[in-house]
C-alpha atoms as a PDB file:
ATOM      1  CA  MET A   1      -2.644 -20.067 -21.907  1.00  0.00           C
ATOM      2  CA  ARG A   2      -4.702 -19.680 -19.157  1.00  0.00           C
ATOM      3  CA  ILE A   3      -7.443 -17.345 -18.509  1.00  0.00           C
ATOM      4  CA  ARG A   4      -8.866 -16.537 -14.902  1.00  0.00           C
ATOM      5  CA  PHE A   5     -11.718 -14.024 -13.860  1.00  0.00           C
ATOM      6  CA  TRP A   6     -11.028 -12.102 -11.153  1.00  0.00           C
ATOM      7  CA  GLY A   7     -13.837  -9.786 -11.829  1.00  0.00           C
ATOM      8  CA  THR A   8     -17.282 -10.480 -14.025  1.00  0.00           C
ATOM      9  CA  ARG A   9     -19.750  -7.970 -13.186  1.00  0.00           C
ATOM     10  CA  GLY A  10     -20.660  -4.578 -14.841  1.00  0.00           C
ATOM     11  CA  SER A  11     -21.710  -1.121 -14.061  1.00  0.00           C
ATOM     12  CA  ILE A  12     -20.987  -1.214 -10.459  1.00  0.00           C
ATOM     13  CA  PRO A  13     -19.944  -3.781  -7.915  1.00  0.00           C
ATOM     14  CA  SER A  14     -22.582  -5.917  -6.035  1.00  0.00           C
ATOM     15  CA  PRO A  15     -21.299  -8.110  -3.478  1.00  0.00           C
ATOM     16  CA  GLY A  16     -23.757 -10.261  -1.326  1.00  0.00           C
ATOM     17  CA  PRO A  17     -25.520 -13.151  -1.240  1.00  0.00           C
ATOM     18  CA  ARG A  18     -27.188 -12.949  -4.365  1.00  0.00           C
ATOM     19  CA  THR A  19     -24.278 -13.088  -6.366  1.00  0.00           C
ATOM     20  CA  VAL A  20     -22.159 -15.518  -4.625  1.00  0.00           C
ATOM     21  CA  ARG A  21     -21.498 -18.030  -7.400  1.00  0.00           C
ATOM     22  CA  TYR A  22     -21.025 -15.451 -10.623  1.00  0.00           C
ATOM     23  CA  GLY A  23     -18.974 -12.935  -7.916  1.00  0.00           C
ATOM     24  CA  GLY A  24     -19.959  -9.109  -7.240  1.00  0.00           C
ATOM     25  CA  ASN A  25     -16.627  -7.515  -8.303  1.00  0.00           C
ATOM     26  CA  CYS A  26     -16.175  -5.594 -11.614  1.00  0.00           C
ATOM     27  CA  ALA A  27     -14.340  -6.258 -14.735  1.00  0.00           C
ATOM     28  CA  CYS A  28     -10.925  -8.118 -14.293  1.00  0.00           C
ATOM     29  CA  VAL A  29      -9.334 -10.949 -16.564  1.00  0.00           C
ATOM     30  CA  GLU A  30      -5.981 -12.608 -16.189  1.00  0.00           C
ATOM     31  CA  VAL A  31      -4.210 -13.984 -19.186  1.00  0.00           C
ATOM     32  CA  ARG A  32      -1.173 -15.968 -18.936  1.00  0.00           C
ATOM     33  CA  THR A  33       0.759 -17.418 -21.289  1.00  0.00           C
ATOM     34  CA  ALA A  34       3.158 -20.777 -21.124  1.00  0.00           C
ATOM     35  CA  ALA A  35       6.309 -18.285 -21.009  1.00  0.00           C
ATOM     36  CA  GLY A  36       4.518 -16.783 -18.050  1.00  0.00           C
ATOM     37  CA  GLU A  37       3.972 -13.484 -19.633  1.00  0.00           C
ATOM     38  CA  LEU A  38       1.317 -11.396 -18.057  1.00  0.00           C
ATOM     39  CA  PHE A  39      -1.805  -9.956 -19.047  1.00  0.00           C
ATOM     40  CA  ILE A  40      -4.604  -8.061 -17.118  1.00  0.00           C
ATOM     41  CA  VAL A  41      -7.463  -6.890 -19.228  1.00  0.00           C
ATOM     42  CA  ASP A  42      -9.326  -4.076 -17.552  1.00  0.00           C
ATOM     43  CA  ALA A  43      -9.139  -2.958 -14.059  1.00  0.00           C
ATOM     44  CA  GLY A  44     -12.301  -3.321 -12.126  1.00  0.00           C
ATOM     45  CA  THR A  45     -12.428  -4.111  -8.428  1.00  0.00           C
ATOM     46  CA  GLY A  46     -11.598  -7.325  -9.316  1.00  0.00           C
ATOM     47  CA  ILE A  47      -8.072  -6.317  -9.716  1.00  0.00           C
ATOM     48  CA  ARG A  48      -7.355  -6.085  -6.138  1.00  0.00           C
ATOM     49  CA  GLU A  49      -7.900  -9.786  -5.238  1.00  0.00           C
ATOM     50  CA  LEU A  50      -5.414 -10.396  -8.400  1.00  0.00           C
ATOM     51  CA  GLY A  51      -2.767  -8.119  -6.873  1.00  0.00           C
ATOM     52  CA  LEU A  52      -2.998  -9.855  -3.211  1.00  0.00           C
ATOM     53  CA  SER A  53      -2.229 -13.248  -5.295  1.00  0.00           C
ATOM     54  CA  LEU A  54       0.717 -11.634  -7.207  1.00  0.00           C
ATOM     55  CA  ALA A  55       2.034 -10.189  -3.671  1.00  0.00           C
ATOM     56  CA  ASP A  56       5.275 -12.648  -3.368  1.00  0.00           C
ATOM     57  CA  GLN A  57       6.198 -12.518  -6.702  1.00  0.00           C
ATOM     58  CA  GLN A  58       7.894  -9.812  -9.186  1.00  0.00           C
ATOM     59  CA  VAL A  59       5.702  -8.342 -11.672  1.00  0.00           C
ATOM     60  CA  SER A  60       5.945  -7.141 -15.215  1.00  0.00           C
ATOM     61  CA  GLY A  61       3.192  -7.193 -17.009  1.00  0.00           C
ATOM     62  CA  HIS A  62       0.820  -5.488 -19.548  1.00  0.00           C
ATOM     63  CA  LEU A  63      -2.797  -4.059 -18.326  1.00  0.00           C
ATOM     64  CA  LEU A  64      -5.354  -3.875 -21.221  1.00  0.00           C
ATOM     65  CA  LEU A  65      -7.922  -1.004 -20.441  1.00  0.00           C
ATOM     66  CA  SER A  66     -11.175  -1.748 -22.710  1.00  0.00           C
ATOM     67  CA  HIS A  67     -11.978   1.759 -21.924  1.00  0.00           C
ATOM     68  CA  THR A  68     -11.684   3.945 -18.784  1.00  0.00           C
ATOM     69  CA  HIS A  69     -15.262   4.119 -17.516  1.00  0.00           C
ATOM     70  CA  TRP A  70     -15.267   3.463 -13.579  1.00  0.00           C
ATOM     71  CA  ASP A  71     -16.079  -0.058 -13.677  1.00  0.00           C
ATOM     72  CA  HIS A  72     -12.642  -0.848 -15.439  1.00  0.00           C
ATOM     73  CA  ILE A  73     -10.559   1.154 -13.849  1.00  0.00           C
ATOM     74  CA  SER A  74     -11.594   1.764 -10.169  1.00  0.00           C
ATOM     75  CA  GLY A  75      -9.740  -0.828  -8.868  1.00  0.00           C
ATOM     76  CA  PHE A  76      -6.458   0.239 -10.267  1.00  0.00           C
ATOM     77  CA  PRO A  77      -5.244   2.036  -6.966  1.00  0.00           C
ATOM     78  CA  PHE A  78      -6.081  -0.846  -5.146  1.00  0.00           C
ATOM     79  CA  PHE A  79      -3.260  -2.940  -7.303  1.00  0.00           C
ATOM     80  CA  PRO A  80      -0.747  -3.871  -4.983  1.00  0.00           C
ATOM     81  CA  PRO A  81       1.450  -4.972  -7.208  1.00  0.00           C
ATOM     82  CA  ALA A  82       1.758  -0.755  -8.657  1.00  0.00           C
ATOM     83  CA  PHE A  83       3.073  -0.180  -5.023  1.00  0.00           C
ATOM     84  CA  VAL A  84       6.220  -2.211  -5.291  1.00  0.00           C
ATOM     85  CA  LYS A  85       9.712  -0.724  -6.605  1.00  0.00           C
ATOM     86  CA  GLY A  86      10.971  -2.972  -9.174  1.00  0.00           C
ATOM     87  CA  ASN A  87       7.471  -4.169 -10.660  1.00  0.00           C
ATOM     88  CA  THR A  88       7.105  -2.896 -14.065  1.00  0.00           C
ATOM     89  CA  ILE A  89       3.342  -2.169 -15.640  1.00  0.00           C
ATOM     90  CA  THR A  90       2.413  -1.064 -19.169  1.00  0.00           C
ATOM     91  CA  VAL A  91      -1.118   0.704 -18.940  1.00  0.00           C
ATOM     92  CA  CYS A  92      -2.578   0.151 -22.812  1.00  0.00           C
ATOM     93  CA  ALA A  93      -5.903   1.954 -23.867  1.00  0.00           C
ATOM     94  CA  ALA A  94      -7.468   3.608 -26.375  1.00  0.00           C
ATOM     95  CA  ARG A  95      -6.307   7.054 -27.640  1.00  0.00           C
ATOM     96  CA  ASN A  96      -8.881   9.541 -26.470  1.00  0.00           C
ATOM     97  CA  ILE A  97      -9.886  12.584 -28.310  1.00  0.00           C
ATOM     98  CA  ASP A  98      -9.059  14.991 -25.514  1.00  0.00           C
ATOM     99  CA  ARG A  99      -7.098  13.758 -22.407  1.00  0.00           C
ATOM    100  CA  ARG A 100      -3.923  11.640 -21.987  1.00  0.00           C
ATOM    101  CA  LEU A 101      -4.333   7.975 -20.728  1.00  0.00           C
ATOM    102  CA  GLU A 102      -1.906   9.239 -17.815  1.00  0.00           C
ATOM    103  CA  ASP A 103      -4.241  12.018 -17.172  1.00  0.00           C
ATOM    104  CA  VAL A 104      -7.355   9.954 -16.879  1.00  0.00           C
ATOM    105  CA  MET A 105      -5.619   7.700 -14.743  1.00  0.00           C
ATOM    106  CA  SER A 106      -4.156  10.017 -12.293  1.00  0.00           C
ATOM    107  CA  GLY A 107      -7.404  11.772 -12.133  1.00  0.00           C
ATOM    108  CA  GLN A 108      -9.230   9.486 -10.088  1.00  0.00           C
ATOM    109  CA  MET A 109      -6.094   9.411  -7.530  1.00  0.00           C
ATOM    110  CA  GLU A 110      -6.339  13.037  -7.045  1.00  0.00           C
ATOM    111  CA  TYR A 111      -6.724  14.044  -3.398  1.00  0.00           C
ATOM    112  CA  THR A 112     -10.389  14.918  -3.554  1.00  0.00           C
ATOM    113  CA  TYR A 113     -11.253  10.951  -4.846  1.00  0.00           C
ATOM    114  CA  PHE A 114      -8.424   9.225  -3.089  1.00  0.00           C
ATOM    115  CA  PRO A 115      -5.628   9.559  -0.494  1.00  0.00           C
ATOM    116  CA  VAL A 116      -2.251   8.634  -2.783  1.00  0.00           C
ATOM    117  CA  LYS A 117      -1.446  10.070  -6.135  1.00  0.00           C
ATOM    118  CA  LEU A 118      -0.027   7.880  -9.052  1.00  0.00           C
ATOM    119  CA  ASP A 119       3.148   9.622  -9.035  1.00  0.00           C
ATOM    120  CA  GLN A 120       3.159   7.761  -5.150  1.00  0.00           C
ATOM    121  CA  MET A 121       3.445   4.761  -6.633  1.00  0.00           C
ATOM    122  CA  SER A 122       6.674   3.078  -6.348  1.00  0.00           C
ATOM    123  CA  ALA A 123       6.231   0.417  -9.546  1.00  0.00           C
ATOM    124  CA  THR A 124       7.636   1.390 -13.044  1.00  0.00           C
ATOM    125  CA  ILE A 125       4.352   2.680 -14.904  1.00  0.00           C
ATOM    126  CA  GLU A 126       4.237   3.255 -18.447  1.00  0.00           C
ATOM    127  CA  PHE A 127       1.215   4.210 -20.520  1.00  0.00           C
ATOM    128  CA  ARG A 128       0.695   3.012 -24.072  1.00  0.00           C
ATOM    129  CA  GLU A 129      -2.324   4.811 -25.847  1.00  0.00           C
ATOM    130  CA  LEU A 130      -3.768   2.191 -28.807  1.00  0.00           C
ATOM    131  CA  VAL A 131      -5.577   2.421 -32.173  1.00  0.00           C
ATOM    132  CA  GLU A 132      -6.852  -0.293 -34.248  1.00  0.00           C
ATOM    133  CA  GLU A 133      -3.703  -2.233 -34.320  1.00  0.00           C
ATOM    134  CA  SER A 134      -1.848  -5.458 -33.851  1.00  0.00           C
ATOM    135  CA  PHE A 135       1.387  -5.515 -31.705  1.00  0.00           C
ATOM    136  CA  ALA A 136       3.257  -7.836 -30.421  1.00  0.00           C
ATOM    137  CA  VAL A 137       5.020  -8.515 -26.851  1.00  0.00           C
ATOM    138  CA  GLY A 138       7.439 -10.890 -27.148  1.00  0.00           C
ATOM    139  CA  ASP A 139       5.966 -13.855 -28.978  1.00  0.00           C
ATOM    140  CA  VAL A 140       2.486 -12.788 -27.953  1.00  0.00           C
ATOM    141  CA  ARG A 141       0.506 -11.039 -30.778  1.00  0.00           C
ATOM    142  CA  ILE A 142      -2.043  -8.751 -29.990  1.00  0.00           C
ATOM    143  CA  SER A 143      -4.698  -7.074 -31.971  1.00  0.00           C
ATOM    144  CA  THR A 144      -7.311  -4.280 -31.210  1.00  0.00           C
ATOM    145  CA  HIS A 145     -10.366  -3.891 -32.640  1.00  0.00           C
ATOM    146  CA  TYR A 146     -13.199  -0.339 -32.126  1.00  0.00           C
ATOM    147  CA  LEU A 147     -16.224  -1.354 -30.167  1.00  0.00           C
ATOM    148  CA  ASN A 148     -19.491   0.305 -30.031  1.00  0.00           C
ATOM    149  CA  HIS A 149     -20.018   1.729 -26.699  1.00  0.00           C
ATOM    150  CA  THR A 150     -20.655   5.018 -25.380  1.00  0.00           C
ATOM    151  CA  SER A 151     -16.994   5.974 -25.230  1.00  0.00           C
ATOM    152  CA  ILE A 152     -14.098   5.037 -27.049  1.00  0.00           C
ATOM    153  CA  CYS A 153     -13.771   1.224 -26.228  1.00  0.00           C
ATOM    154  CA  LEU A 154     -11.417  -1.367 -27.387  1.00  0.00           C
ATOM    155  CA  GLY A 155     -11.622  -5.138 -27.678  1.00  0.00           C
ATOM    156  CA  TYR A 156      -8.517  -7.300 -27.555  1.00  0.00           C
ATOM    157  CA  ARG A 157      -7.578 -10.438 -29.095  1.00  0.00           C
ATOM    158  CA  ILE A 158      -4.447 -11.971 -27.588  1.00  0.00           C
ATOM    159  CA  GLU A 159      -2.754 -15.328 -29.231  1.00  0.00           C
ATOM    160  CA  ALA A 160      -0.080 -17.049 -28.069  1.00  0.00           C
ATOM    161  CA  ASP A 161       0.643 -21.349 -27.488  1.00  0.00           C
ATOM    162  CA  GLY A 162      -0.851 -22.174 -30.507  1.00  0.00           C
ATOM    163  CA  CYS A 163      -4.439 -20.837 -29.277  1.00  0.00           C
ATOM    164  CA  SER A 164      -6.318 -17.562 -28.915  1.00  0.00           C
ATOM    165  CA  VAL A 165      -8.579 -15.386 -26.733  1.00  0.00           C
ATOM    166  CA  ALA A 166     -10.881 -12.265 -27.429  1.00  0.00           C
ATOM    167  CA  TYR A 167     -12.293  -9.639 -25.010  1.00  0.00           C
ATOM    168  CA  VAL A 168     -15.189  -7.674 -25.988  1.00  0.00           C
ATOM    169  CA  SER A 169     -16.690  -5.446 -23.305  1.00  0.00           C
ATOM    170  CA  ASP A 170     -18.220  -3.010 -23.460  1.00  0.00           C
ATOM    171  CA  HIS A 171     -20.024  -3.712 -26.784  1.00  0.00           C
ATOM    172  CA  GLU A 172     -23.492  -3.067 -28.028  1.00  0.00           C
ATOM    173  CA  PRO A 173     -25.128  -4.173 -31.381  1.00  0.00           C
ATOM    174  CA  TYR A 174     -24.458  -1.971 -34.389  1.00  0.00           C
ATOM    175  CA  GLY A 175     -27.560  -2.484 -36.306  1.00  0.00           C
ATOM    176  CA  LEU A 176     -30.224  -0.484 -34.212  1.00  0.00           C
ATOM    177  CA  SER A 177     -27.637   1.910 -32.641  1.00  0.00           C
ATOM    178  CA  LEU A 178     -27.849   4.082 -35.387  1.00  0.00           C
ATOM    179  CA  TYR A 179     -31.410   5.032 -35.275  1.00  0.00           C
ATOM    180  CA  GLY A 180     -31.020   7.351 -32.401  1.00  0.00           C
ATOM    181  CA  PRO A 181     -33.423   7.806 -29.536  1.00  0.00           C
ATOM    182  CA  ASN A 182     -36.280   6.124 -31.299  1.00  0.00           C
ATOM    183  CA  PRO A 183     -35.251   3.062 -33.397  1.00  0.00           C
ATOM    184  CA  PRO A 184     -37.640   0.934 -34.753  1.00  0.00           C
ATOM    185  CA  PRO A 185     -39.211  -1.611 -32.328  1.00  0.00           C
ATOM    186  CA  VAL A 186     -37.127  -4.561 -31.808  1.00  0.00           C
ATOM    187  CA  GLN A 187     -38.029  -8.392 -32.314  1.00  0.00           C
ATOM    188  CA  ILE A 188     -37.473  -9.977 -29.373  1.00  0.00           C
ATOM    189  CA  GLY A 189     -34.663 -12.763 -29.738  1.00  0.00           C
ATOM    190  CA  ARG A 190     -34.076 -11.959 -33.301  1.00  0.00           C
ATOM    191  CA  GLY A 191     -30.176 -11.130 -32.517  1.00  0.00           C
ATOM    192  CA  LEU A 192     -28.835 -11.793 -36.135  1.00  0.00           C
ATOM    193  CA  ARG A 193     -31.014 -14.527 -37.053  1.00  0.00           C
ATOM    194  CA  ASP A 194     -32.147 -12.415 -39.963  1.00  0.00           C
ATOM    195  CA  GLY A 195     -28.662 -11.643 -41.306  1.00  0.00           C
ATOM    196  CA  VAL A 196     -25.751  -9.126 -40.673  1.00  0.00           C
ATOM    197  CA  VAL A 197     -26.736  -5.946 -41.814  1.00  0.00           C
ATOM    198  CA  HIS A 198     -24.344  -3.756 -40.609  1.00  0.00           C
ATOM    199  CA  ASP A 199     -20.633  -3.508 -41.315  1.00  0.00           C
ATOM    200  CA  GLY A 200     -19.650  -2.844 -37.772  1.00  0.00           C
ATOM    201  CA  ASP A 201     -21.402  -5.916 -36.667  1.00  0.00           C
ATOM    202  CA  ARG A 202     -19.708  -7.588 -39.821  1.00  0.00           C
ATOM    203  CA  GLN A 203     -16.386  -6.569 -38.959  1.00  0.00           C
ATOM    204  CA  LEU A 204     -16.798  -7.610 -35.258  1.00  0.00           C
ATOM    205  CA  ILE A 205     -17.669 -11.262 -36.249  1.00  0.00           C
ATOM    206  CA  GLU A 206     -14.305 -11.475 -38.830  1.00  0.00           C
ATOM    207  CA  TRP A 207     -12.269  -9.822 -36.172  1.00  0.00           C
ATOM    208  CA  VAL A 208     -13.564 -12.834 -33.842  1.00  0.00           C
ATOM    209  CA  ARG A 209     -12.769 -15.421 -36.375  1.00  0.00           C
ATOM    210  CA  GLY A 210     -12.372 -18.795 -35.009  1.00  0.00           C
ATOM    211  CA  VAL A 211     -11.392 -17.486 -31.616  1.00  0.00           C
ATOM    212  CA  ASP A 212     -10.741 -20.605 -29.225  1.00  0.00           C
ATOM    213  CA  LEU A 213     -12.749 -18.326 -26.273  1.00  0.00           C
ATOM    214  CA  LEU A 214     -14.755 -15.574 -26.621  1.00  0.00           C
ATOM    215  CA  ILE A 215     -15.101 -13.206 -23.552  1.00  0.00           C
ATOM    216  CA  GLN A 216     -18.351 -11.036 -24.145  1.00  0.00           C
ATOM    217  CA  ASP A 217     -20.744  -8.642 -22.922  1.00  0.00           C
ATOM    218  CA  SER A 218     -24.276  -9.805 -22.502  1.00  0.00           C
ATOM    219  CA  GLN A 219     -24.847  -7.575 -19.763  1.00  0.00           C
ATOM    220  CA  TYR A 220     -28.968  -7.961 -20.896  1.00  0.00           C
ATOM    221  CA  THR A 221     -31.724 -10.427 -21.980  1.00  0.00           C
ATOM    222  CA  PRO A 222     -33.559 -10.096 -24.995  1.00  0.00           C
ATOM    223  CA  GLU A 223     -36.449  -8.965 -23.242  1.00  0.00           C
ATOM    224  CA  GLU A 224     -34.156  -6.230 -21.514  1.00  0.00           C
ATOM    225  CA  TYR A 225     -32.839  -4.875 -24.249  1.00  0.00           C
ATOM    226  CA  PRO A 226     -34.666  -2.605 -26.381  1.00  0.00           C
ATOM    227  CA  LYS A 227     -35.222  -0.404 -23.224  1.00  0.00           C
ATOM    228  CA  LYS A 228     -31.581  -0.483 -22.937  1.00  0.00           C
ATOM    229  CA  ILE A 229     -30.590   0.678 -26.607  1.00  0.00           C
ATOM    230  CA  GLY A 230     -27.812   3.140 -26.451  1.00  0.00           C
ATOM    231  CA  TRP A 231     -26.318   2.204 -23.269  1.00  0.00           C
ATOM    232  CA  GLY A 232     -23.468   0.530 -24.603  1.00  0.00           C
ATOM    233  CA  HIS A 233     -23.828  -3.290 -23.854  1.00  0.00           C
ATOM    234  CA  GLY A 234     -24.616  -6.409 -25.483  1.00  0.00           C
ATOM    235  CA  SER A 235     -27.667  -8.990 -25.462  1.00  0.00           C
ATOM    236  CA  ALA A 236     -27.287 -12.926 -24.821  1.00  0.00           C
ATOM    237  CA  ASP A 237     -29.372 -13.389 -28.280  1.00  0.00           C
ATOM    238  CA  TYR A 238     -26.775 -11.056 -30.328  1.00  0.00           C
ATOM    239  CA  VAL A 239     -23.759 -12.129 -28.219  1.00  0.00           C
ATOM    240  CA  THR A 240     -24.269 -15.767 -29.061  1.00  0.00           C
ATOM    241  CA  ASP A 241     -24.994 -15.066 -32.816  1.00  0.00           C
ATOM    242  CA  VAL A 242     -22.026 -13.508 -32.984  1.00  0.00           C
ATOM    243  CA  ALA A 243     -19.834 -16.302 -31.350  1.00  0.00           C
ATOM    244  CA  ILE A 244     -21.813 -18.852 -33.360  1.00  0.00           C
ATOM    245  CA  LEU A 245     -21.152 -16.944 -36.790  1.00  0.00           C
ATOM    246  CA  GLY A 246     -17.764 -15.879 -35.982  1.00  0.00           C
ATOM    247  CA  GLY A 247     -17.064 -19.655 -35.431  1.00  0.00           C
ATOM    248  CA  ALA A 248     -15.994 -19.255 -31.951  1.00  0.00           C
ATOM    249  CA  LYS A 249     -15.030 -22.422 -29.936  1.00  0.00           C
ATOM    250  CA  ARG A 250     -15.764 -21.411 -26.394  1.00  0.00           C
ATOM    251  CA  LEU A 251     -18.341 -18.238 -25.094  1.00  0.00           C
ATOM    252  CA  ALA A 252     -17.813 -17.071 -21.925  1.00  0.00           C
ATOM    253  CA  LEU A 253     -21.006 -14.664 -20.942  1.00  0.00           C
ATOM    254  CA  PHE A 254     -19.052 -11.394 -19.065  1.00  0.00           C
ATOM    255  CA  HIS A 255     -20.229  -8.272 -17.352  1.00  0.00           C
ATOM    256  CA  HIS A 256     -23.252  -9.473 -15.754  1.00  0.00           C
ATOM    257  CA  ASP A 257     -25.748  -6.851 -14.946  1.00  0.00           C
ATOM    258  CA  PRO A 258     -25.885  -5.651 -10.966  1.00  0.00           C
ATOM    259  CA  LEU A 259     -29.401  -6.565 -10.569  1.00  0.00           C
ATOM    260  CA  HIS A 260     -29.019 -10.110 -12.050  1.00  0.00           C
ATOM    261  CA  ASP A 261     -28.709 -12.158  -9.284  1.00  0.00           C
ATOM    262  CA  ASP A 262     -27.038 -16.107  -9.501  1.00  0.00           C
ATOM    263  CA  ASP A 263     -30.369 -18.334 -10.484  1.00  0.00           C
ATOM    264  CA  PHE A 264     -30.864 -15.057 -13.236  1.00  0.00           C
ATOM    265  CA  VAL A 265     -27.443 -15.580 -14.734  1.00  0.00           C
ATOM    266  CA  ASP A 266     -27.870 -19.170 -14.851  1.00  0.00           C
ATOM    267  CA  GLY A 267     -30.855 -18.723 -16.990  1.00  0.00           C
ATOM    268  CA  ILE A 268     -29.149 -16.569 -19.473  1.00  0.00           C
ATOM    269  CA  VAL A 269     -26.479 -19.102 -19.486  1.00  0.00           C
ATOM    270  CA  SER A 270     -29.197 -21.887 -20.509  1.00  0.00           C
ATOM    271  CA  TYR A 271     -30.744 -19.150 -22.873  1.00  0.00           C
ATOM    272  CA  SER A 272     -27.556 -19.089 -24.935  1.00  0.00           C
ATOM    273  CA  ARG A 273     -27.039 -22.500 -25.008  1.00  0.00           C
ATOM    274  CA  GLN A 274     -30.495 -23.243 -26.079  1.00  0.00           C
ATOM    275  CA  ARG A 275     -29.752 -20.904 -28.575  1.00  0.00           C
ATOM    276  CA  ALA A 276     -26.476 -22.141 -29.879  1.00  0.00           C
ATOM    277  CA  ALA A 277     -28.430 -25.745 -29.682  1.00  0.00           C
ATOM    278  CA  GLU A 278     -31.238 -24.790 -32.076  1.00  0.00           C
ATOM    279  CA  SER A 279     -29.019 -23.815 -34.424  1.00  0.00           C
ATOM    280  CA  GLU A 280     -26.816 -27.070 -34.321  1.00  0.00           C
ATOM    281  CA  SER A 281     -23.368 -25.315 -33.433  1.00  0.00           C
ATOM    282  CA  PRO A 282     -21.115 -27.010 -31.267  1.00  0.00           C
ATOM    283  CA  LEU A 283     -20.430 -23.723 -29.288  1.00  0.00           C
ATOM    284  CA  ASP A 284     -19.564 -24.324 -25.780  1.00  0.00           C
ATOM    285  CA  VAL A 285     -21.348 -21.370 -23.338  1.00  0.00           C
ATOM    286  CA  THR A 286     -20.474 -20.462 -19.858  1.00  0.00           C
ATOM    287  CA  GLY A 287     -21.344 -17.737 -17.236  1.00  0.00           C
ATOM    288  CA  ALA A 288     -17.748 -16.192 -16.478  1.00  0.00           C
ATOM    289  CA  ALA A 289     -17.717 -16.459 -12.581  1.00  0.00           C
ATOM    290  CA  GLU A 290     -14.958 -15.082 -10.687  1.00  0.00           C
ATOM    291  CA  GLY A 291     -12.109 -17.360  -9.543  1.00  0.00           C
ATOM    292  CA  GLN A 292     -13.064 -19.407 -12.752  1.00  0.00           C
ATOM    293  CA  SER A 293      -9.541 -20.587 -14.835  1.00  0.00           C
ATOM    294  CA  ILE A 294      -9.685 -21.618 -18.221  1.00  0.00           C
ATOM    295  CA  ASP A 295      -7.013 -23.570 -20.011  1.00  0.00           C
ATOM    296  CA  LEU A 296      -6.668 -23.372 -23.716  1.00  0.00           C
END
């Protein structure tokens, strides 16, 4: 199985000289199995470049959306394979409480926002609404897990070719989020070192258990997170601890904050590696970067 990052940024695209190495496009990850099955996780602006790379191919694949905030769907109208007759794209996302997935995706393509409507795309586009479940696509096994975000959000675990990858974006620690707008003081850098006290965190750790690659939202530093509680994103200490406690082999720090330039992200990666070393963990940590490929 091969994983390639086409967009690694969170919240809003941030291209420019400050983000050359890690990239400025929003979330999009390509997963290819040995048999050629295609899975695209999220459709941020990075999906445009992925689509251009598929221009000369017949495309049949699944688009797995974590949720439908703009930084995870805004690239879909610019995905060239969706305009090619004969291509088939199955769009999957969490079942919402008040709107169909198809209505959400077509809403951003109304003429007020975009010149081409969803029903003018020439590919066959199907929609599948998911809950927390497991299902198969050929020989590939996919399981979903509800995440702690400001909207209904799913993580995806993909198992194929004897290996596994888990995608966890956007997700915030459960332990403090229950306290509302006035949580108790946060001990910077504690993460989960004091133990796992919330069942939500415990369930996530078990869901990623033994994964070969964990891709997780690590948008904030431990120092930044106390001011961002309730925004729906993770911090490097928490994310590293989840990977260690879950026995993940590799961790790709993801969903980089638009204010964080390349050097700043380098610092977060170094912090996470040091944290793993202090825990005597063999965890291999990298910062997800546009164009980067990982073979499992």
